[in-house]
């Protein structure tokens, strides 16, 4: 909770000192008259609340309040009148002018503290609502931008499929066997990319709807990782890259969903292949660990690329957000791999994170309990 600032505007030295001592847990600003109070109120950062006397020789409290309400910088600052004028008419006037409260002198400090704290609670609630609104707006903007980019990515392979089909259908008599094989190869590549895009979107939709089905079984994380690496061997060989695989003895065996965890490892590996320079290795480690004082399995994959930009280690796991160093479709995917991985690890009651290695490159890790509850126990 932030430290709030209170501006006390009162020509009575005794009240200024008493209020300053009574609210020492807050930052206190003191003004001995209306003119000085207005000058202080307009200095940024503005006070969070103003305790305002009405009867002052230079500028009275009513005029101060009018000027505060006229200025966009100060119009929303809550003002509590503290005055020796004790009449319902004056109280009504003050509240109609925009004061949030009206307390007569001599002041009951306990009552004043309650009312001041109430105003600060309202301010805190307002601040949280504004934060939530801003975050929702940012999320909508990010999602809209992502969907705009995604619509382009979906059209690209579809245009490729339609284009090669039209060439073949419009000139079948001039289509040699060699050209037909080449066109079918392009159509297959475009179809595979389109399927990958659609599958990622469908996966995320299921995950966001809470419809992930974890089918836990006794499995070996080492075996799953070796299978994922074998599937990517063609990409690795083409780029002259190799995965250095290390596993603790008797590590990696546990009860989890092998298909879902394999999807996470594949996402990590695809990411590492994309960012590791040609000729460099990728490090993969499986080790025993603990999570919430229970046996767990740690999986780590390190690339030797340029690392994750400052401040993005957590953001890259959020839905619809990518690293500023990559673009949608750069590797034939949606950029949703890390977000989907986070959902999968969360469903396993685990943790997933990324960090930069001090000597260069990035490390992606997940930690899952060795034992998962069964579907019947979910």
Protein backbone atom coordinates (compact mmCIF):
# COMPACT_ATOMS: atom_id res chain seq x y z
CA UNK A 1 0.00 0.00 0.00
CA UNK A 2 1.43 3.39 -0.97
CA UNK A 3 2.20 6.06 1.62
CA UNK A 4 -0.51 8.65 1.24
CA UNK A 5 0.10 12.39 1.50
CA UNK A 6 -2.16 14.72 3.49
CA UNK A 7 -2.15 18.49 2.99
CA UNK A 8 -3.32 20.43 6.06
CA UNK A 9 -4.48 23.98 5.27
CA UNK A 10 -5.22 25.90 8.49
CA UNK A 11 -4.17 29.31 9.80
CA UNK A 12 -4.18 27.98 13.38
CA UNK A 13 -0.67 26.82 14.36
CA UNK A 14 -2.05 24.58 17.13
CA UNK A 15 -4.27 22.59 14.74
CA UNK A 16 -1.51 22.26 12.14
CA UNK A 17 0.86 20.76 14.71
CA UNK A 18 -1.79 18.56 16.30
CA UNK A 19 -2.83 17.09 12.93
CA UNK A 20 0.79 16.64 11.90
CA UNK A 21 1.47 14.58 15.04
CA UNK A 22 -1.84 12.68 14.79
CA UNK A 23 -1.17 11.47 11.25
CA UNK A 24 2.58 10.82 11.47
CA UNK A 25 2.14 7.50 9.60
CA UNK A 26 1.40 9.59 6.50
CA UNK A 27 3.42 12.21 4.70
CA UNK A 28 2.15 15.57 5.97
CA UNK A 29 2.29 18.90 4.13
CA UNK A 30 1.40 22.06 6.08
CA UNK A 31 0.04 25.39 4.82
CA UNK A 32 -0.79 28.36 7.08
CA UNK A 33 -3.42 29.83 4.74
CA UNK A 34 -5.50 29.32 1.62
CA UNK A 35 -3.04 30.95 -0.78
CA UNK A 36 -0.09 28.82 0.36
CA UNK A 37 -2.33 25.75 0.40
CA UNK A 38 -3.25 26.23 -3.25
CA UNK A 39 0.41 26.63 -4.19
CA UNK A 40 1.33 23.38 -2.43
CA UNK A 41 -1.67 21.50 -3.84
CA UNK A 42 -0.59 22.35 -7.40
CA UNK A 43 2.91 20.99 -6.92
CA UNK A 44 3.37 17.49 -8.32
CA UNK A 45 2.91 14.97 -6.98
CA UNK A 46 -0.36 16.36 -5.69
CA UNK A 47 -1.53 15.45 -2.18
CA UNK A 48 -3.89 12.50 -1.86
CA UNK A 49 -6.21 14.25 0.61
CA UNK A 50 -6.69 17.80 1.92
CA UNK A 51 -7.82 18.79 5.43
CA UNK A 52 -9.14 22.32 4.90
CA UNK A 53 -10.13 25.02 7.37
CA UNK A 54 -12.91 27.39 6.24
CA UNK A 55 -12.24 30.59 8.19
CA UNK A 56 -8.85 31.93 7.07
CA UNK A 57 -7.82 35.58 6.64
CA UNK A 58 -6.30 35.51 3.15
CA UNK A 59 -8.38 33.02 1.12
CA UNK A 60 -11.22 31.20 2.88
CA UNK A 61 -11.82 27.47 2.59
CA UNK A 62 -14.81 27.79 0.26
CA UNK A 63 -12.77 29.76 -2.27
CA UNK A 64 -9.89 27.31 -1.98
CA UNK A 65 -12.26 24.41 -2.72
CA UNK A 66 -13.69 26.22 -5.77
CA UNK A 67 -10.19 26.78 -7.18
CA UNK A 68 -9.24 23.16 -6.51
CA UNK A 69 -12.33 21.92 -8.36
CA UNK A 70 -11.63 24.22 -11.30
CA UNK A 71 -8.15 22.81 -11.86
CA UNK A 72 -7.93 19.42 -13.69
CA UNK A 73 -4.84 18.58 -11.66
CA UNK A 74 -6.58 18.89 -8.27
CA UNK A 75 -10.28 18.50 -8.95
CA UNK A 76 -10.40 14.86 -7.83
CA UNK A 77 -8.48 15.31 -4.58
CA UNK A 78 -10.86 14.52 -1.67
CA UNK A 79 -11.28 17.48 0.66
CA UNK A 80 -12.47 17.29 4.28
CA UNK A 81 -13.57 20.57 5.86
CA UNK A 82 -12.37 21.13 9.45
CA UNK A 83 -14.06 24.21 10.86
CA UNK A 84 -15.39 25.93 13.96
CA UNK A 85 -18.54 26.84 11.97
CA UNK A 86 -21.06 24.35 13.30
CA UNK A 87 -24.28 24.76 11.33
CA UNK A 88 -26.19 22.44 9.06
CA UNK A 89 -26.43 25.13 6.37
CA UNK A 90 -22.65 25.50 6.21
CA UNK A 91 -22.18 21.76 6.19
CA UNK A 92 -24.70 21.42 3.38
CA UNK A 93 -22.96 24.18 1.43
CA UNK A 94 -19.55 22.54 1.83
CA UNK A 95 -20.77 19.13 0.72
CA UNK A 96 -22.64 20.59 -2.27
CA UNK A 97 -19.44 22.33 -3.34
CA UNK A 98 -17.64 19.00 -3.51
CA UNK A 99 -16.15 18.33 -0.07
CA UNK A 100 -16.28 14.66 0.88
CA UNK A 101 -16.78 15.34 4.60
CA UNK A 102 -17.36 18.15 7.13
CA UNK A 103 -16.03 17.93 10.70
CA UNK A 104 -16.57 20.59 13.35
CA UNK A 105 -13.90 21.88 15.73
CA UNK A 106 -12.86 21.02 18.38
CA UNK A 107 -11.82 17.92 16.44
CA UNK A 108 -12.40 14.39 17.66
CA UNK A 109 -9.12 12.86 16.43
CA UNK A 110 -10.40 9.27 16.60
CA UNK A 111 -13.39 10.18 14.45
CA UNK A 112 -11.22 12.15 12.03
CA UNK A 113 -8.81 9.23 11.67
CA UNK A 114 -11.67 6.88 10.86
CA UNK A 115 -12.95 9.22 8.16
CA UNK A 116 -9.50 9.87 6.72
CA UNK A 117 -8.77 6.13 6.61
CA UNK A 118 -12.12 5.58 4.89
CA UNK A 119 -11.13 8.05 2.17
CA UNK A 120 -7.81 6.29 1.70
CA UNK A 121 -9.53 2.92 1.47
CA UNK A 122 -11.76 4.37 -1.25
CA UNK A 123 -8.69 5.76 -3.03
CA UNK A 124 -6.96 2.39 -2.81
CA UNK A 125 -10.04 0.66 -4.23
CA UNK A 126 -10.25 3.21 -7.02
CA UNK A 127 -6.57 2.73 -7.82
CA UNK A 128 -6.98 -1.06 -8.01
CA UNK A 129 -10.02 -0.72 -10.26
CA UNK A 130 -8.11 1.62 -12.55
CA UNK A 131 -5.21 -0.83 -12.64
CA UNK A 132 -7.56 -3.69 -13.49
CA UNK A 133 -9.20 -1.59 -16.20
CA UNK A 134 -5.82 -0.63 -17.70
CA UNK A 135 -4.63 -4.24 -17.62
CA UNK A 136 -7.85 -5.40 -19.30
CA UNK A 137 -7.43 -2.76 -21.99
CA UNK A 138 -3.80 -3.77 -22.55
CA UNK A 139 -4.82 -7.43 -22.72
CA UNK A 140 -7.49 -6.62 -25.29
CA UNK A 141 -5.02 -4.61 -27.36
CA UNK A 142 -2.46 -7.41 -27.23
CA UNK A 143 -5.11 -9.98 -28.14
CA UNK A 144 -6.42 -7.85 -31.00
CA UNK A 145 -2.92 -7.36 -32.39
CA UNK A 146 -2.22 -11.07 -32.05
CA UNK A 147 -5.44 -12.02 -33.84
CA UNK A 148 -4.72 -9.52 -36.62
CA UNK A 149 -1.28 -11.08 -37.10
CA UNK A 150 -2.74 -14.56 -36.81
CA UNK A 151 -5.31 -13.91 -39.54
CA UNK A 152 -2.38 -13.06 -41.82
CA UNK A 153 -0.51 -16.20 -40.78
CA UNK A 154 -3.57 -18.38 -41.49
CA UNK A 155 -4.07 -16.84 -44.93
CA UNK A 156 -0.45 -17.35 -46.00
CA UNK A 157 -0.44 -21.19 -46.15
CA UNK A 158 -4.04 -21.19 -47.39
CA UNK A 159 -3.07 -18.94 -50.31
CA UNK A 160 -0.19 -21.31 -51.04
CA UNK A 161 -2.51 -24.32 -51.11
CA UNK A 162 -5.08 -22.57 -53.30
CA UNK A 163 -2.41 -21.16 -55.60
CA UNK A 164 -0.76 -24.48 -56.43
CA UNK A 165 -4.14 -26.22 -56.75
CA UNK A 166 -5.36 -23.59 -59.21
CA UNK A 167 -2.21 -23.90 -61.30
CA UNK A 168 -2.71 -27.64 -61.56
CA UNK A 169 -6.46 -27.50 -62.18
CA UNK A 170 -6.34 -24.72 -64.78
CA UNK A 171 -3.59 -26.32 -66.89
CA UNK A 172 -3.78 -30.08 -66.27
CA UNK A 173 -2.66 -30.97 -69.80
CA UNK A 174 0.57 -28.99 -69.39
CA UNK A 175 1.36 -30.37 -65.94
CA UNK A 176 4.32 -32.74 -66.06
CA UNK A 177 4.85 -35.43 -63.46
CA UNK A 178 7.87 -33.53 -62.15
CA UNK A 179 5.84 -30.32 -61.68
CA UNK A 180 2.94 -32.22 -60.14
CA UNK A 181 5.25 -33.77 -57.53
CA UNK A 182 6.77 -30.37 -56.78
CA UNK A 183 3.33 -28.73 -56.46
CA UNK A 184 2.06 -31.52 -54.21
CA UNK A 185 5.16 -31.07 -52.05
CA UNK A 186 4.41 -27.34 -51.66
CA UNK A 187 0.77 -28.13 -50.87
CA UNK A 188 1.86 -30.64 -48.22
CA UNK A 189 4.22 -28.10 -46.60
CA UNK A 190 1.53 -25.42 -46.55
CA UNK A 191 -1.03 -27.88 -45.18
CA UNK A 192 1.31 -28.95 -42.37
CA UNK A 193 1.95 -25.32 -41.41
CA UNK A 194 -1.78 -24.55 -41.49
CA UNK A 195 -2.51 -27.58 -39.31
CA UNK A 196 0.15 -26.49 -36.82
CA UNK A 197 -1.39 -23.02 -36.59
CA UNK A 198 -4.90 -24.40 -36.11
CA UNK A 199 -3.78 -26.98 -33.53
CA UNK A 200 -2.03 -24.33 -31.44
CA UNK A 201 -5.13 -22.13 -31.48
CA UNK A 202 -7.39 -25.05 -30.57
CA UNK A 203 -5.03 -26.11 -27.77
CA UNK A 204 -5.01 -22.62 -26.29
CA UNK A 205 -8.80 -22.34 -26.54
CA UNK A 206 -9.19 -25.61 -24.60
CA UNK A 207 -6.64 -24.54 -22.02
CA UNK A 208 -8.27 -21.14 -21.45
CA UNK A 209 -11.63 -22.87 -21.05
CA UNK A 210 -10.13 -25.14 -18.39
CA UNK A 211 -10.79 -28.24 -20.47
CA UNK A 212 -7.32 -29.74 -20.36
CA UNK A 213 -7.47 -33.48 -19.77
CA UNK A 214 -4.39 -34.74 -17.93
CA UNK A 215 -3.96 -38.50 -18.41
CA UNK A 216 -1.25 -39.39 -15.92
CA UNK A 217 0.69 -42.64 -16.21
CA UNK A 218 4.02 -43.99 -15.00
CA UNK A 219 6.50 -42.57 -17.52
CA UNK A 220 10.16 -41.79 -18.08
CA UNK A 221 10.94 -38.14 -18.78
CA UNK A 222 14.32 -39.21 -20.18
CA UNK A 223 12.64 -41.48 -22.76
CA UNK A 224 10.16 -38.75 -23.72
CA UNK A 225 12.94 -36.17 -24.12
CA UNK A 226 14.99 -38.56 -26.31
CA UNK A 227 11.93 -39.14 -28.49
CA UNK A 228 11.31 -35.37 -28.86
CA UNK A 229 14.96 -34.82 -29.81
CA UNK A 230 14.78 -37.64 -32.39
CA UNK A 231 11.72 -36.04 -33.98
CA UNK A 232 13.67 -32.79 -34.44
CA UNK A 233 16.85 -34.49 -35.66
CA UNK A 234 16.38 -33.37 -39.26
CA UNK A 235 16.24 -29.70 -38.22
CA UNK A 236 19.22 -30.19 -35.92
CA UNK A 237 21.32 -31.87 -38.62
CA UNK A 238 20.43 -29.25 -41.23
CA UNK A 239 21.62 -26.44 -38.91
CA UNK A 240 24.66 -28.39 -37.70
CA UNK A 241 23.35 -28.35 -34.13
CA UNK A 242 23.46 -31.10 -31.52
CA UNK A 243 21.66 -31.65 -28.21
CA UNK A 244 23.96 -32.50 -25.30
CA UNK A 245 21.74 -34.63 -23.08
CA UNK A 246 22.49 -35.21 -19.39
CA UNK A 247 20.33 -37.13 -16.92
CA UNK A 248 20.94 -38.06 -13.29
CA UNK A 249 20.89 -41.77 -12.62
CA UNK A 250 17.37 -42.98 -11.78
CA UNK A 251 16.00 -39.49 -12.56
CA UNK A 252 13.05 -38.59 -14.71
CA UNK A 253 10.73 -41.45 -13.74
CA UNK A 254 7.36 -40.32 -12.46
CA UNK A 255 3.64 -40.26 -12.95
CA UNK A 256 2.52 -37.57 -15.40
CA UNK A 257 0.93 -37.13 -18.83
CA UNK A 258 3.64 -38.20 -21.31
CA UNK A 259 1.96 -36.63 -24.36
CA UNK A 260 1.43 -33.24 -22.71
CA UNK A 261 4.92 -33.15 -21.17
CA UNK A 262 6.34 -34.19 -24.54
CA UNK A 263 4.55 -31.20 -26.06
CA UNK A 264 6.29 -28.90 -23.56
CA UNK A 265 9.72 -30.40 -24.32
CA UNK A 266 9.10 -30.07 -28.06
CA UNK A 267 8.15 -26.41 -27.59
CA UNK A 268 11.33 -25.78 -25.57
CA UNK A 269 13.46 -27.60 -28.16
CA UNK A 270 11.92 -25.80 -31.13
CA UNK A 271 12.58 -22.52 -29.38
CA UNK A 272 16.21 -23.51 -28.65
CA UNK A 273 16.82 -24.61 -32.24
CA UNK A 274 15.46 -21.32 -33.54
CA UNK A 275 17.68 -19.13 -31.36
CA UNK A 276 20.89 -21.19 -31.15
CA UNK A 277 23.42 -20.16 -33.82
CA UNK A 278 24.33 -22.79 -36.41
CA UNK A 279 27.11 -25.07 -35.22
CA UNK A 280 26.38 -24.50 -31.51
CA UNK A 281 25.06 -27.14 -29.11
CA UNK A 282 21.89 -27.18 -27.02
CA UNK A 283 22.15 -28.41 -23.42
CA UNK A 284 19.37 -30.59 -21.98
CA UNK A 285 19.31 -31.71 -18.34
CA UNK A 286 17.00 -33.90 -16.27
CA UNK A 287 17.56 -34.06 -12.53
CA UNK A 288 15.88 -35.03 -9.28
CA UNK A 289 14.54 -32.14 -7.24
CA UNK A 290 11.85 -31.13 -4.77
CA UNK A 291 8.64 -29.14 -5.01
CA UNK A 292 6.73 -28.23 -1.85
CA UNK A 293 8.96 -30.69 0.08
CA UNK A 294 7.93 -33.56 -2.19
CA UNK A 295 9.97 -35.44 -4.83
CA UNK A 296 9.94 -33.68 -8.19
CA UNK A 297 11.60 -33.78 -11.61
CA UNK A 298 13.51 -30.82 -13.01
CA UNK A 299 13.90 -30.38 -16.76
CA UNK A 300 16.20 -27.69 -18.19
CA UNK A 301 17.08 -26.71 -21.73
CA UNK A 302 19.70 -24.08 -22.52
CA UNK A 303 20.26 -22.42 -25.88
CA UNK A 304 23.29 -20.38 -26.85
CA UNK A 305 21.47 -17.51 -28.49
CA UNK A 306 21.27 -13.84 -27.59
CA UNK A 307 19.18 -14.41 -24.48
CA UNK A 308 15.80 -13.01 -23.43
CA UNK A 309 15.36 -9.21 -23.52
CA UNK A 310 15.35 -7.49 -20.14
CA UNK A 311 12.01 -7.70 -18.36
CA UNK A 312 10.53 -10.38 -20.66
CA UNK A 313 11.41 -13.62 -18.83
CA UNK A 314 7.93 -13.84 -17.31
CA UNK A 315 5.99 -12.10 -20.09
CA UNK A 316 6.94 -14.65 -22.77
CA UNK A 317 4.81 -17.30 -21.02
CA UNK A 318 1.67 -15.15 -21.21
CA UNK A 319 -1.06 -15.84 -23.76
CA UNK A 320 -0.74 -13.81 -26.99
CA UNK A 321 2.64 -12.30 -25.98
CA UNK A 322 5.93 -13.06 -27.71
CA UNK A 323 9.47 -11.98 -27.09
CA UNK A 324 10.34 -8.75 -28.86
CA UNK A 325 13.17 -10.72 -30.52
CA UNK A 326 10.82 -12.97 -32.48
CA UNK A 327 7.81 -12.72 -34.75
CA UNK A 328 4.75 -14.85 -35.37
CA UNK A 329 5.39 -17.43 -38.01
CA UNK A 330 9.18 -17.06 -37.88
CA UNK A 331 9.48 -20.80 -37.28
CA UNK A 332 6.22 -21.89 -38.85
CA UNK A 333 4.24 -21.62 -35.61
CA UNK A 334 1.94 -19.30 -33.77
CA UNK A 335 4.28 -18.20 -31.01
CA UNK A 336 1.84 -19.80 -28.54
CA UNK A 337 4.16 -22.66 -27.60
CA UNK A 338 5.42 -21.16 -24.34
CA UNK A 339 1.93 -20.05 -23.26
CA UNK A 340 0.59 -23.56 -23.92
CA UNK A 341 3.56 -25.04 -22.05
CA UNK A 342 2.75 -22.90 -19.01
CA UNK A 343 -0.86 -24.12 -18.99
CA UNK A 344 0.32 -27.74 -19.23
CA UNK A 345 2.84 -27.43 -16.38
CA UNK A 346 0.28 -25.58 -14.22
CA UNK A 347 -2.16 -28.44 -14.82
CA UNK A 348 0.55 -30.79 -13.47
CA UNK A 349 0.81 -28.58 -10.33
CA UNK A 350 4.34 -27.64 -11.37
CA UNK A 351 6.36 -24.53 -12.13
CA UNK A 352 7.79 -23.21 -15.40
CA UNK A 353 10.19 -20.31 -15.89
CA UNK A 354 12.98 -18.89 -18.01
CA UNK A 355 16.18 -17.05 -17.18
CA UNK A 356 19.28 -15.78 -18.92
CA UNK A 357 22.53 -17.68 -18.43
CA UNK A 358 25.38 -15.51 -17.10
CA UNK A 359 27.62 -16.71 -19.94
CA UNK A 360 25.04 -16.16 -22.65
CA UNK A 361 21.89 -17.76 -23.98
CA UNK A 362 18.66 -18.58 -22.19
CA UNK A 363 17.56 -21.47 -19.99
CA UNK A 364 13.99 -22.76 -19.97
CA UNK A 365 12.98 -24.97 -17.06
CA UNK A 366 10.00 -26.81 -15.67
CA UNK A 367 9.55 -28.61 -12.37
CA UNK A 368 6.78 -31.16 -11.86
CA UNK A 369 5.92 -33.48 -8.96
CA UNK A 370 6.89 -37.10 -9.52
CA UNK A 371 3.39 -38.16 -8.55
CA UNK A 372 0.26 -36.70 -10.14
CA UNK A 373 -3.30 -37.21 -8.96
CA UNK A 374 -5.36 -39.39 -11.27
CA UNK A 375 -8.12 -38.07 -13.47
CA UNK A 376 -10.66 -39.50 -11.07
CA UNK A 377 -9.12 -37.44 -8.28
CA UNK A 378 -9.19 -34.11 -10.21
